[in-house]
């Protein structure tokens, strides 16, 4: 690969970093520019087929419908709660568990978020958790940052195990058969058995890396967003944070060992909440004085306090939480009840042979979480007896807030599709991600335990999905492990952990989180906070793998 080709293959990363992170342009401006730069690199350096490039743009626009529907649904639900008054009840309920913002972040983002991730995936945890934190008085950007960081260890088993069970299986298929056929045969003859073995490596590493995430959350919260900018104020609850970390990772390890990678996040989160909430309510493992001391921007709770809304609690906790309870039930049922899953998927839209190519796209109209969000909003209208003007205001505000997000995702998803489909070219080159990963594998095999999760981050950062990162790079990771004599399952586990870390900083998730908390345009600030955590999480996993060696 020449130097010019290297720059071209890095064009999406370089342009996003330059325009979004360094120049701090809002995503609605940075992403269209980055998409244009990537398209030009694909045309003039990669000599990408123009028909395939055009079809990739169409594929990206159609593929953007699913994340856009989820983001709109999450924003709509937040505004439904706001204009109905149910948010005051929810805030009061969490305050009764603990008035400490650090504790609220751990319960909502780490545990409740893990349950949503295990049930649905699709970036839904941040879309639900971040607005809840805003309701509790946590500044919007802080809420987005911690919600993204928390959605990490649970991603291994997200959407009922999809990143491992589907993403890695598809990534290992070559010429119609799995390149890991011998390994699969050793572990029962079915990929699900091998997937459990890979996932055991992932969750074993996360007994350390994942368990530390709650402590990272609270130190980031106090160090970057607290009035005193003190990381020590977050570290002060290290006992509670580590307890909350183990309360999820240990049950998740047991569930994966016993039953496989479908339910560790769902059951681990439920067990964790059952353990952590009573401890928080009693104040055990916590300092006597709760912490809720933010600086800078005014939070939603501050505004409500000034207007006297905080005393207008008109609903029971059960009623206020019913939309979320129904949402969780729908997510679990739609992923586990086969006839219901088949019926919902029967309404999916699909487009094939886009512009005469073999590209295709689909939109899960009812199966995607966006449809469930809208359904529970309608339920909220009835349950909370909302007036017509309140419903109209909720819908209007939600639609207006989506404008910059539509622009951002309408550019970023086509950019990713151009990048991934660039293998159709006249230069005889592999696709940009494969060429780049091959170059890394060829030059950095000696330190691959640290590079493997970075490749996983790279895939998730660009595609917006741990599942897709695993699809892109599991084959490469397996081949590198073959060439350097490494443990295959451990290398694939590092790929998966890197993909988890990439969720913290990928453009699509960041845009979604910024939108649902009303901070569209602040994406660069969010990425600058989450990127070091993502890299630290991945590199710590690589260090553990190097010391451990796998089994």
Protein backbone atom coordinates (compact mmCIF):
# COMPACT_ATOMS: atom_id res chain seq x y z
CA UNK A 1 0.00 0.00 0.00
CA UNK A 2 1.44 3.38 -1.02
CA UNK A 3 1.43 6.37 1.28
CA UNK A 4 -1.32 8.04 -0.77
CA UNK A 5 -3.44 4.87 -0.56
CA UNK A 6 -2.85 4.75 3.18
CA UNK A 7 -4.13 8.31 3.53
CA UNK A 8 -7.12 7.47 1.34
CA UNK A 9 -7.98 4.40 3.44
CA UNK A 10 -7.81 6.59 6.55
CA UNK A 11 -9.87 9.40 5.00
CA UNK A 12 -13.02 8.74 7.06
CA UNK A 13 -11.07 8.63 10.32
CA UNK A 14 -8.83 11.61 9.52
CA UNK A 15 -11.68 13.78 8.29
CA UNK A 16 -13.94 12.96 11.26
CA UNK A 17 -11.11 13.65 13.69
CA UNK A 18 -10.18 16.89 11.93
CA UNK A 19 -13.60 18.43 11.40
CA UNK A 20 -15.56 16.98 14.31
CA UNK A 21 -12.98 16.60 17.08
CA UNK A 22 -10.19 19.11 16.39
CA UNK A 23 -12.08 21.92 14.62
CA UNK A 24 -15.14 21.19 16.79
CA UNK A 25 -17.69 21.60 14.04
CA UNK A 26 -21.15 20.27 14.86
CA UNK A 27 -21.83 16.84 13.39
CA UNK A 28 -24.42 18.35 11.04
CA UNK A 29 -21.52 20.18 9.32
CA UNK A 30 -18.57 17.89 9.98
CA UNK A 31 -20.16 14.69 8.69
CA UNK A 32 -21.24 15.98 5.24
CA UNK A 33 -17.71 17.35 4.70
CA UNK A 34 -16.17 14.06 5.87
CA UNK A 35 -18.47 12.09 3.56
CA UNK A 36 -17.38 14.26 0.61
CA UNK A 37 -13.69 13.77 1.45
CA UNK A 38 -14.17 9.99 1.68
CA UNK A 39 -16.06 9.89 -1.63
CA UNK A 40 -13.30 11.86 -3.38
CA UNK A 41 -10.63 9.55 -1.93
CA UNK A 42 -12.62 6.53 -3.11
CA UNK A 43 -12.99 7.95 -6.64
CA UNK A 44 -9.54 9.37 -7.31
CA UNK A 45 -7.24 7.14 -5.23
CA UNK A 46 -9.13 3.87 -4.82
CA UNK A 47 -10.67 4.23 -8.32
CA UNK A 48 -13.95 2.97 -6.93
CA UNK A 49 -16.62 2.04 -9.42
CA UNK A 50 -18.94 5.07 -9.68
CA UNK A 51 -22.05 2.92 -9.92
CA UNK A 52 -21.07 1.13 -6.71
CA UNK A 53 -20.28 4.45 -5.06
CA UNK A 54 -23.69 5.86 -5.96
CA UNK A 55 -25.39 2.68 -4.79
CA UNK A 56 -23.43 2.89 -1.52
CA UNK A 57 -24.82 6.37 -0.92
CA UNK A 58 -28.37 5.09 -1.49
CA UNK A 59 -27.68 2.09 0.75
CA UNK A 60 -26.44 4.42 3.48
CA UNK A 61 -29.46 6.70 3.27
CA UNK A 62 -31.83 3.74 3.54
CA UNK A 63 -29.80 2.14 6.34
CA UNK A 64 -29.96 5.40 8.30
CA UNK A 65 -33.72 4.98 8.71
CA UNK A 66 -33.34 2.48 11.57
CA UNK A 67 -31.10 4.59 13.86
CA UNK A 68 -33.13 7.70 13.02
CA UNK A 69 -36.35 5.96 14.06
CA UNK A 70 -34.76 4.93 17.37
CA UNK A 71 -33.45 8.42 18.10
CA UNK A 72 -36.79 10.03 17.27
CA UNK A 73 -38.62 7.53 19.46
CA UNK A 74 -36.31 8.16 22.41
CA UNK A 75 -36.65 11.95 22.07
CA UNK A 76 -40.42 11.64 21.71
CA UNK A 77 -40.66 9.51 24.87
CA UNK A 78 -38.55 12.01 26.81
CA UNK A 79 -40.79 14.88 25.73
CA UNK A 80 -43.92 12.84 26.47
CA UNK A 81 -42.70 12.35 30.04
CA UNK A 82 -41.73 16.01 30.27
CA UNK A 83 -45.00 17.50 29.05
CA UNK A 84 -47.16 15.01 30.96
CA UNK A 85 -45.43 15.68 34.28
CA UNK A 86 -44.37 12.04 34.72
CA UNK A 87 -40.71 13.06 34.78
CA UNK A 88 -41.21 14.68 38.19
CA UNK A 89 -42.37 11.37 39.63
CA UNK A 90 -39.42 9.50 38.11
CA UNK A 91 -37.00 12.07 39.49
CA UNK A 92 -38.54 11.83 42.94
CA UNK A 93 -38.30 8.02 42.85
CA UNK A 94 -34.60 8.00 42.07
CA UNK A 95 -33.97 10.66 44.67
CA UNK A 96 -35.64 8.36 47.21
CA UNK A 97 -33.18 5.60 46.30
CA UNK A 98 -30.27 8.01 46.54
CA UNK A 99 -29.82 11.74 46.08
CA UNK A 100 -26.21 11.03 45.05
CA UNK A 101 -25.69 11.66 41.32
CA UNK A 102 -22.84 9.14 41.27
CA UNK A 103 -25.15 6.39 42.46
CA UNK A 104 -27.87 7.43 40.01
CA UNK A 105 -25.41 7.18 37.12
CA UNK A 106 -24.34 3.67 38.12
CA UNK A 107 -27.90 2.37 38.52
CA UNK A 108 -29.32 3.97 35.37
CA UNK A 109 -26.41 3.69 32.92
CA UNK A 110 -24.44 0.68 34.12
CA UNK A 111 -27.24 -1.63 35.29
CA UNK A 112 -30.49 -0.49 33.66
CA UNK A 113 -28.48 0.34 30.53
CA UNK A 114 -27.02 -3.18 30.48
CA UNK A 115 -30.54 -4.61 30.62
CA UNK A 116 -31.61 -2.48 27.64
CA UNK A 117 -28.42 -3.35 25.74
CA UNK A 118 -28.95 -7.04 26.34
CA UNK A 119 -32.56 -6.76 25.20
CA UNK A 120 -32.25 -4.52 22.18
CA UNK A 121 -28.82 -3.18 21.26
CA UNK A 122 -29.10 -0.64 18.41
CA UNK A 123 -27.59 2.08 20.65
CA UNK A 124 -30.81 2.12 22.68
CA UNK A 125 -29.21 2.23 26.18
CA UNK A 126 -27.76 5.72 25.74
CA UNK A 127 -30.96 6.91 24.10
CA UNK A 128 -32.90 5.86 27.20
CA UNK A 129 -30.35 6.38 29.98
CA UNK A 130 -29.00 9.82 29.07
CA UNK A 131 -32.43 11.57 29.11
CA UNK A 132 -33.24 9.91 32.45
CA UNK A 133 -30.08 11.41 33.93
CA UNK A 134 -31.06 14.83 32.59
CA UNK A 135 -34.38 14.47 34.40
CA UNK A 136 -32.41 13.94 37.61
CA UNK A 137 -30.48 17.17 37.22
CA UNK A 138 -27.28 15.93 35.58
CA UNK A 139 -26.00 18.31 32.87
CA UNK A 140 -26.89 17.08 29.37
CA UNK A 141 -23.35 16.66 28.01
CA UNK A 142 -22.33 14.82 31.20
CA UNK A 143 -25.36 12.55 30.83
CA UNK A 144 -24.45 11.72 27.23
CA UNK A 145 -20.79 11.01 28.09
CA UNK A 146 -21.43 8.64 30.99
CA UNK A 147 -24.27 6.87 29.17
CA UNK A 148 -21.95 6.15 26.24
CA UNK A 149 -19.09 4.96 28.46
CA UNK A 150 -21.42 2.67 30.42
CA UNK A 151 -22.60 0.95 27.24
CA UNK A 152 -19.47 -1.15 26.90
CA UNK A 153 -19.05 -4.48 28.71
CA UNK A 154 -22.70 -5.40 28.19
CA UNK A 155 -22.35 -5.00 24.40
CA UNK A 156 -20.64 -8.41 24.20
CA UNK A 157 -24.09 -9.90 24.79
CA UNK A 158 -26.18 -7.10 23.27
CA UNK A 159 -29.40 -7.76 21.39
CA UNK A 160 -29.57 -11.31 22.76
CA UNK A 161 -25.96 -12.12 21.84
CA UNK A 162 -25.99 -10.72 18.29
CA UNK A 163 -22.38 -9.35 18.18
CA UNK A 164 -20.92 -12.80 18.92
CA UNK A 165 -23.55 -15.21 17.62
CA UNK A 166 -24.16 -13.43 14.31
CA UNK A 167 -21.39 -10.87 13.85
CA UNK A 168 -18.47 -13.22 14.47
CA UNK A 169 -20.04 -16.17 12.68
CA UNK A 170 -20.60 -14.10 9.54
CA UNK A 171 -17.12 -12.62 9.83
CA UNK A 172 -15.53 -16.08 9.87
CA UNK A 173 -17.34 -17.32 6.76
CA UNK A 174 -15.04 -17.50 3.72
CA UNK A 175 -16.10 -19.07 0.45
CA UNK A 176 -19.29 -20.39 1.99
CA UNK A 177 -17.66 -22.20 4.93
CA UNK A 178 -16.20 -21.12 8.23
CA UNK A 179 -12.44 -20.66 8.41
CA UNK A 180 -12.79 -21.72 12.06
CA UNK A 181 -14.32 -25.10 11.17
CA UNK A 182 -11.67 -27.06 13.10
CA UNK A 183 -12.12 -24.90 16.20
CA UNK A 184 -15.90 -25.20 15.97
CA UNK A 185 -15.62 -28.98 15.71
CA UNK A 186 -13.50 -29.03 18.88
CA UNK A 187 -16.23 -27.18 20.78
CA UNK A 188 -19.32 -29.22 19.95
CA UNK A 189 -19.69 -28.84 16.20
CA UNK A 190 -21.96 -25.80 16.24
CA UNK A 191 -20.89 -22.18 16.09
CA UNK A 192 -23.05 -21.38 19.13
CA UNK A 193 -20.76 -23.64 21.20
CA UNK A 194 -17.65 -21.91 19.88
CA UNK A 195 -19.32 -18.53 20.44
CA UNK A 196 -19.80 -19.43 24.09
CA UNK A 197 -16.09 -20.27 24.32
CA UNK A 198 -15.11 -16.93 22.74
CA UNK A 199 -17.57 -15.09 24.99
CA UNK A 200 -16.06 -16.78 28.06
CA UNK A 201 -12.75 -15.13 27.19
CA UNK A 202 -14.52 -11.78 26.77
CA UNK A 203 -16.42 -11.85 30.05
CA UNK A 204 -13.39 -13.24 31.92
CA UNK A 205 -11.33 -10.24 30.83
CA UNK A 206 -14.30 -8.03 31.73
CA UNK A 207 -14.22 -9.37 35.28
CA UNK A 208 -11.47 -6.76 35.54
CA UNK A 209 -12.04 -4.24 32.74
CA UNK A 210 -15.84 -4.26 32.91
CA UNK A 211 -15.92 -4.22 36.70
CA UNK A 212 -13.90 -0.99 36.65
CA UNK A 213 -16.38 0.83 34.38
CA UNK A 214 -18.70 2.09 37.19
CA UNK A 215 -15.67 3.61 38.94
CA UNK A 216 -14.61 5.22 35.66
CA UNK A 217 -18.14 6.61 35.22
CA UNK A 218 -18.22 8.42 38.54
CA UNK A 219 -14.67 9.78 38.27
CA UNK A 220 -15.41 11.13 34.78
CA UNK A 221 -18.64 12.63 36.13
CA UNK A 222 -17.00 14.50 38.99
CA UNK A 223 -13.64 15.20 37.33
CA UNK A 224 -14.98 16.78 34.16
CA UNK A 225 -18.40 18.05 35.14
CA UNK A 226 -18.33 18.62 38.90
CA UNK A 227 -18.03 22.12 40.31
CA UNK A 228 -14.62 21.31 41.81
CA UNK A 229 -13.37 19.29 38.79
CA UNK A 230 -12.24 16.65 41.26
CA UNK A 231 -11.67 13.04 40.22
CA UNK A 232 -11.23 12.26 43.91
CA UNK A 233 -14.92 13.05 44.54
CA UNK A 234 -15.82 10.22 42.19
CA UNK A 235 -13.21 7.86 43.57
CA UNK A 236 -14.66 8.45 47.05
CA UNK A 237 -17.36 5.82 46.34
CA UNK A 238 -14.91 3.20 45.04
CA UNK A 239 -16.34 0.49 47.32
CA UNK A 240 -19.87 0.97 46.00
CA UNK A 241 -18.64 1.32 42.39
CA UNK A 242 -16.64 -1.92 42.49
CA UNK A 243 -19.55 -3.69 44.19
CA UNK A 244 -21.84 -2.53 41.36
CA UNK A 245 -19.26 -3.66 38.80
CA UNK A 246 -19.01 -7.17 40.21
CA UNK A 247 -22.80 -7.28 40.70
CA UNK A 248 -23.11 -7.34 36.90
CA UNK A 249 -19.95 -9.04 35.63
CA UNK A 250 -20.02 -12.06 37.95
CA UNK A 251 -23.65 -13.06 37.18
CA UNK A 252 -22.96 -12.39 33.48
CA UNK A 253 -19.94 -14.73 33.63
CA UNK A 254 -22.05 -17.46 35.28
CA UNK A 255 -24.92 -17.12 32.79
CA UNK A 256 -22.57 -17.31 29.80
CA UNK A 257 -20.89 -20.39 31.29
CA UNK A 258 -24.20 -22.12 31.92
CA UNK A 259 -26.38 -20.99 29.02
CA UNK A 260 -24.30 -19.13 26.40
CA UNK A 261 -24.14 -15.53 25.17
CA UNK A 262 -27.83 -14.75 24.66
CA UNK A 263 -28.76 -13.60 28.17
CA UNK A 264 -25.71 -12.62 30.27
CA UNK A 265 -26.44 -8.89 29.91
CA UNK A 266 -30.18 -9.21 30.54
CA UNK A 267 -29.96 -11.49 33.57
CA UNK A 268 -26.71 -10.01 34.84
CA UNK A 269 -28.33 -6.57 34.87
CA UNK A 270 -31.46 -7.79 36.67
CA UNK A 271 -29.38 -9.57 39.32
CA UNK A 272 -27.18 -6.50 39.61
CA UNK A 273 -30.12 -4.15 40.15
CA UNK A 274 -31.61 -6.51 42.72
CA UNK A 275 -28.32 -6.34 44.66
CA UNK A 276 -27.28 -2.73 44.16
CA UNK A 277 -30.55 -0.80 44.64
CA UNK A 278 -31.17 -2.04 48.23
CA UNK A 279 -27.55 -1.27 49.12
CA UNK A 280 -27.89 2.23 47.67
CA UNK A 281 -31.18 2.80 49.48
CA UNK A 282 -29.55 1.84 52.78
CA UNK A 283 -26.52 4.01 52.07
CA UNK A 284 -24.13 1.10 52.56
CA UNK A 285 -20.63 1.42 51.06
CA UNK A 286 -21.33 5.13 50.50
CA UNK A 287 -20.17 8.38 52.15
CA UNK A 288 -22.71 9.97 54.49
CA UNK A 289 -23.06 13.11 52.35
CA UNK A 290 -24.59 12.62 48.86
CA UNK A 291 -22.82 14.30 45.94
CA UNK A 292 -24.73 16.38 43.38
CA UNK A 293 -22.51 19.38 42.73
CA UNK A 294 -22.30 20.34 39.07
CA UNK A 295 -20.83 23.44 37.51
CA UNK A 296 -21.53 25.35 34.33
CA UNK A 297 -24.66 24.74 32.33
CA UNK A 298 -28.10 24.64 33.86
CA UNK A 299 -29.73 21.23 33.98
CA UNK A 300 -33.34 20.36 33.29
CA UNK A 301 -33.92 19.75 36.99
CA UNK A 302 -32.52 23.18 37.82
CA UNK A 303 -35.02 24.77 35.45
CA UNK A 304 -37.88 22.81 36.95
CA UNK A 305 -36.82 23.69 40.47
CA UNK A 306 -36.85 27.39 39.64
CA UNK A 307 -40.33 27.16 38.17
CA UNK A 308 -41.69 25.14 41.09
CA UNK A 309 -42.44 22.05 39.03
CA UNK A 310 -40.62 19.70 41.32
CA UNK A 311 -43.55 19.56 43.71
CA UNK A 312 -46.12 18.67 41.04
CA UNK A 313 -45.83 14.90 41.42
CA UNK A 314 -49.17 13.71 40.08
CA UNK A 315 -48.55 10.03 39.33
CA UNK A 316 -47.52 6.92 41.20
CA UNK A 317 -44.08 5.46 40.58
CA UNK A 318 -45.69 2.49 38.83
CA UNK A 319 -47.65 4.73 36.49
CA UNK A 320 -44.67 6.96 35.69
CA UNK A 321 -42.44 3.96 34.98
CA UNK A 322 -45.06 2.06 32.97
CA UNK A 323 -43.78 3.31 29.57
CA UNK A 324 -40.29 2.05 30.39
CA UNK A 325 -41.58 -1.21 31.82
CA UNK A 326 -43.69 -1.81 28.71
CA UNK A 327 -40.72 -0.85 26.54
CA UNK A 328 -38.47 -3.38 28.30
CA UNK A 329 -41.15 -6.09 28.07
CA UNK A 330 -41.62 -5.45 24.34
CA UNK A 331 -37.88 -5.60 23.71
CA UNK A 332 -37.44 -8.90 25.55
CA UNK A 333 -40.58 -10.49 24.08
CA UNK A 334 -39.75 -9.44 20.52
CA UNK A 335 -36.28 -11.00 20.78
CA UNK A 336 -37.18 -14.22 22.58
CA UNK A 337 -40.68 -15.27 21.45
CA UNK A 338 -40.11 -16.80 18.02
CA UNK A 339 -43.64 -16.37 16.57
CA UNK A 340 -43.78 -12.71 17.68
CA UNK A 341 -40.30 -12.08 16.30
CA UNK A 342 -41.26 -13.62 12.96
CA UNK A 343 -44.49 -11.61 12.80
CA UNK A 344 -42.73 -8.32 13.52
CA UNK A 345 -40.05 -9.06 10.96
CA UNK A 346 -42.70 -9.83 8.35
CA UNK A 347 -43.30 -6.08 8.08
CA UNK A 348 -39.66 -5.27 7.31
CA UNK A 349 -38.95 -3.25 4.20
CA UNK A 350 -36.12 -4.37 1.96
CA UNK A 351 -34.47 -3.03 -1.15
CA UNK A 352 -32.25 -5.20 -3.34
CA UNK A 353 -30.04 -4.65 -6.39
CA UNK A 354 -29.65 -0.98 -5.58
CA UNK A 355 -28.86 0.93 -8.80
CA UNK A 356 -28.13 -2.36 -10.55
CA UNK A 357 -25.55 -3.56 -8.01
CA UNK A 358 -25.70 -6.43 -5.52
CA UNK A 359 -26.11 -4.01 -2.62
CA UNK A 360 -29.22 -4.16 -0.50
CA UNK A 361 -30.72 -2.37 2.48
CA UNK A 362 -33.55 -2.90 4.89
CA UNK A 363 -35.66 -1.12 7.45
CA UNK A 364 -37.16 -3.05 10.36
CA UNK A 365 -40.36 -1.04 10.61
CA UNK A 366 -41.84 -2.85 13.62
CA UNK A 367 -38.92 -4.95 14.91
CA UNK A 368 -36.58 -2.01 15.50
CA UNK A 369 -36.91 -0.32 18.93
CA UNK A 370 -38.11 2.92 17.30
CA UNK A 371 -41.58 1.48 16.76
CA UNK A 372 -41.77 0.42 20.41
CA UNK A 373 -40.81 3.92 21.55
CA UNK A 374 -43.68 5.44 19.58
CA UNK A 375 -46.11 2.82 20.90
CA UNK A 376 -45.25 3.54 24.52
CA UNK A 377 -45.59 7.27 23.81
CA UNK A 378 -49.16 6.68 22.66
CA UNK A 379 -49.68 4.62 25.81
CA UNK A 380 -48.34 7.60 27.78
CA UNK A 381 -50.88 9.93 26.17
CA UNK A 382 -53.67 7.75 27.56
CA UNK A 383 -52.08 6.80 30.86
CA UNK A 384 -51.11 10.37 31.78
CA UNK A 385 -54.32 11.86 30.32
CA UNK A 386 -52.34 14.35 28.31
CA UNK A 387 -54.14 17.31 26.78
CA UNK A 388 -54.08 17.71 23.01
CA UNK A 389 -51.86 20.81 23.22
CA UNK A 390 -49.33 18.91 25.37
CA UNK A 391 -49.25 16.04 22.86
CA UNK A 392 -48.81 18.48 19.97
CA UNK A 393 -46.00 20.30 21.77
CA UNK A 394 -44.23 17.03 22.56
CA UNK A 395 -44.40 15.91 18.92
CA UNK A 396 -43.41 19.32 17.54
CA UNK A 397 -40.37 19.71 19.79
CA UNK A 398 -39.25 16.16 19.00
CA UNK A 399 -39.47 16.66 15.23
CA UNK A 400 -37.61 19.99 15.32
CA UNK A 401 -34.79 18.49 17.38
CA UNK A 402 -34.26 15.80 14.72
CA UNK A 403 -33.19 18.18 11.92
CA UNK A 404 -29.43 18.25 12.70
CA UNK A 405 -29.48 14.51 13.43
CA UNK A 406 -31.05 13.71 10.06
CA UNK A 407 -28.27 15.70 8.37
CA UNK A 408 -25.54 14.07 10.47
CA UNK A 409 -26.64 10.47 10.00
CA UNK A 410 -27.74 11.14 6.43
CA UNK A 411 -24.08 11.87 5.70
CA UNK A 412 -22.23 9.56 8.10
CA UNK A 413 -23.96 6.28 7.17
CA UNK A 414 -23.38 6.74 3.39
CA UNK A 415 -19.75 7.63 4.20
CA UNK A 416 -19.38 4.31 6.03
CA UNK A 417 -21.00 2.40 3.17
CA UNK A 418 -18.61 3.96 0.63
CA UNK A 419 -15.71 2.95 2.88
CA UNK A 420 -16.94 -0.63 3.28
CA UNK A 421 -17.89 -1.15 -0.37
CA UNK A 422 -14.68 0.31 -1.80
CA UNK A 423 -13.49 -3.18 -2.78
CA UNK A 424 -15.32 -2.67 -6.09
CA UNK A 425 -12.54 -0.68 -7.74
CA UNK A 426 -10.37 -0.60 -10.85
CA UNK A 427 -7.11 -0.39 -8.88
CA UNK A 428 -7.26 -4.04 -7.86
CA UNK A 429 -7.24 -3.15 -4.18
CA UNK A 430 -9.07 -4.74 -1.29
CA UNK A 431 -11.71 -2.58 0.37
CA UNK A 432 -10.34 0.28 2.46
CA UNK A 433 -10.95 -1.33 5.89
CA UNK A 434 -9.51 -4.69 4.84
CA UNK A 435 -6.44 -3.12 3.22
CA UNK A 436 -5.81 -1.00 6.29
CA UNK A 437 -6.28 -3.91 8.70
CA UNK A 438 -4.02 -6.15 6.57
CA UNK A 439 -1.29 -3.50 6.73
CA UNK A 440 -1.61 -3.32 10.52
CA UNK A 441 -1.53 -7.11 10.83
CA UNK A 442 1.56 -7.35 8.67
CA UNK A 443 3.53 -4.75 10.59
CA UNK A 444 2.30 -5.20 14.17
CA UNK A 445 1.86 -8.93 14.69
CA UNK A 446 4.29 -8.89 17.61
CA UNK A 447 2.04 -6.60 19.62
CA UNK A 448 -1.26 -7.93 18.29
CA UNK A 449 -2.84 -8.38 21.72
CA UNK A 450 -2.92 -4.57 21.90
CA UNK A 451 -3.69 -3.99 18.22
CA UNK A 452 -6.56 -6.50 18.04
CA UNK A 453 -8.93 -4.42 20.21
CA UNK A 454 -7.85 -1.24 18.39
CA UNK A 455 -8.99 -2.86 15.13
CA UNK A 456 -12.29 -3.64 16.86
CA UNK A 457 -12.60 0.02 17.91
CA UNK A 458 -11.85 1.11 14.37
CA UNK A 459 -14.66 -1.05 12.99
CA UNK A 460 -17.25 0.12 15.51
CA UNK A 461 -16.17 3.77 15.27
CA UNK A 462 -16.91 3.84 11.56
CA UNK A 463 -19.83 1.42 11.26
CA UNK A 464 -21.60 2.41 14.50
CA UNK A 465 -22.08 -1.22 15.44
CA UNK A 466 -20.12 -3.82 17.41
CA UNK A 467 -21.88 -6.50 15.39
CA UNK A 468 -20.71 -4.97 12.11
CA UNK A 469 -17.17 -4.49 13.44
CA UNK A 470 -17.10 -8.20 14.26
CA UNK A 471 -18.45 -9.03 10.80
CA UNK A 472 -15.74 -6.93 9.14
CA UNK A 473 -12.72 -8.05 11.11
CA UNK A 474 -13.29 -11.46 12.77
CA UNK A 475 -11.87 -13.20 9.71
CA UNK A 476 -8.81 -10.96 9.73
CA UNK A 477 -8.31 -11.51 13.47
CA UNK A 478 -8.54 -15.29 13.05
CA UNK A 479 -6.02 -15.23 10.19
CA UNK A 480 -3.56 -13.10 12.19
CA UNK A 481 -3.89 -15.49 15.15
CA UNK A 482 -3.10 -18.35 12.75
CA UNK A 483 -0.03 -16.58 11.36
CA UNK A 484 1.50 -15.59 14.71
CA UNK A 485 0.48 -18.73 16.63
CA UNK A 486 -1.86 -16.90 19.00
CA UNK A 487 -4.93 -18.25 20.80
CA UNK A 488 -7.77 -17.89 18.26
CA UNK A 489 -10.56 -17.49 20.80
CA UNK A 490 -8.61 -14.95 22.81
CA UNK A 491 -7.82 -12.89 19.70
CA UNK A 492 -11.48 -12.93 18.67
CA UNK A 493 -12.42 -11.95 22.22
CA UNK A 494 -10.10 -8.92 21.96
CA UNK A 495 -11.78 -8.00 18.68
CA UNK A 496 -15.15 -8.12 20.44
CA UNK A 497 -13.95 -6.08 23.41
CA UNK A 498 -12.51 -3.47 21.06
CA UNK A 499 -15.83 -3.32 19.24
CA UNK A 500 -17.51 -2.74 22.61
CA UNK A 501 -15.11 0.11 23.32
CA UNK A 502 -15.82 1.61 19.91
CA UNK A 503 -19.46 2.02 20.93
CA UNK A 504 -18.37 4.76 23.35
CA UNK A 505 -17.07 7.02 20.60
CA UNK A 506 -18.65 6.00 17.29
CA UNK A 507 -20.24 8.88 15.44
CA UNK A 508 -23.72 7.40 15.20
CA UNK A 509 -24.01 6.68 18.92
CA UNK A 510 -22.55 10.07 19.84
CA UNK A 511 -24.95 11.89 17.53
CA UNK A 512 -27.85 9.91 19.00
CA UNK A 513 -26.83 10.61 22.60
CA UNK A 514 -26.30 14.32 21.89
CA UNK A 515 -29.68 14.58 20.21
CA UNK A 516 -31.74 12.92 22.94
CA UNK A 517 -30.33 15.28 25.59
CA UNK A 518 -30.80 18.36 23.41
CA UNK A 519 -27.08 18.90 22.78
CA UNK A 520 -26.84 18.44 19.00
CA UNK A 521 -23.75 20.34 17.92
CA UNK A 522 -21.72 19.32 20.98
CA UNK A 523 -20.59 15.97 19.57
CA UNK A 524 -16.90 16.88 19.49
CA UNK A 525 -16.94 17.61 23.21
CA UNK A 526 -18.51 14.24 23.89
CA UNK A 527 -16.00 12.31 21.75
CA UNK A 528 -13.06 14.06 23.43
CA UNK A 529 -14.30 12.72 26.77
CA UNK A 530 -15.16 9.18 25.66
CA UNK A 531 -12.21 8.46 23.35
CA UNK A 532 -9.51 8.17 26.07
CA UNK A 533 -11.76 5.85 28.07
CA UNK A 534 -12.42 3.66 25.02
CA UNK A 535 -8.70 3.37 24.25
CA UNK A 536 -7.82 2.72 27.90
CA UNK A 537 -10.50 0.02 28.17
CA UNK A 538 -9.23 -1.73 25.03
CA UNK A 539 -5.53 -1.50 25.89
CA UNK A 540 -6.11 -2.77 29.43
CA UNK A 541 -7.90 -5.76 27.89
CA UNK A 542 -4.87 -6.34 25.64
CA UNK A 543 -2.55 -6.21 28.64
CA UNK A 544 -4.67 -8.72 30.55
CA UNK A 545 -4.69 -11.01 27.51
CA UNK A 546 -0.91 -10.81 27.23
CA UNK A 547 -0.43 -11.77 30.87
CA UNK A 548 -3.14 -14.42 30.85
CA UNK A 549 -2.71 -16.13 27.48
CA UNK A 550 -6.20 -17.63 27.38
CA UNK A 551 -7.33 -21.19 27.93
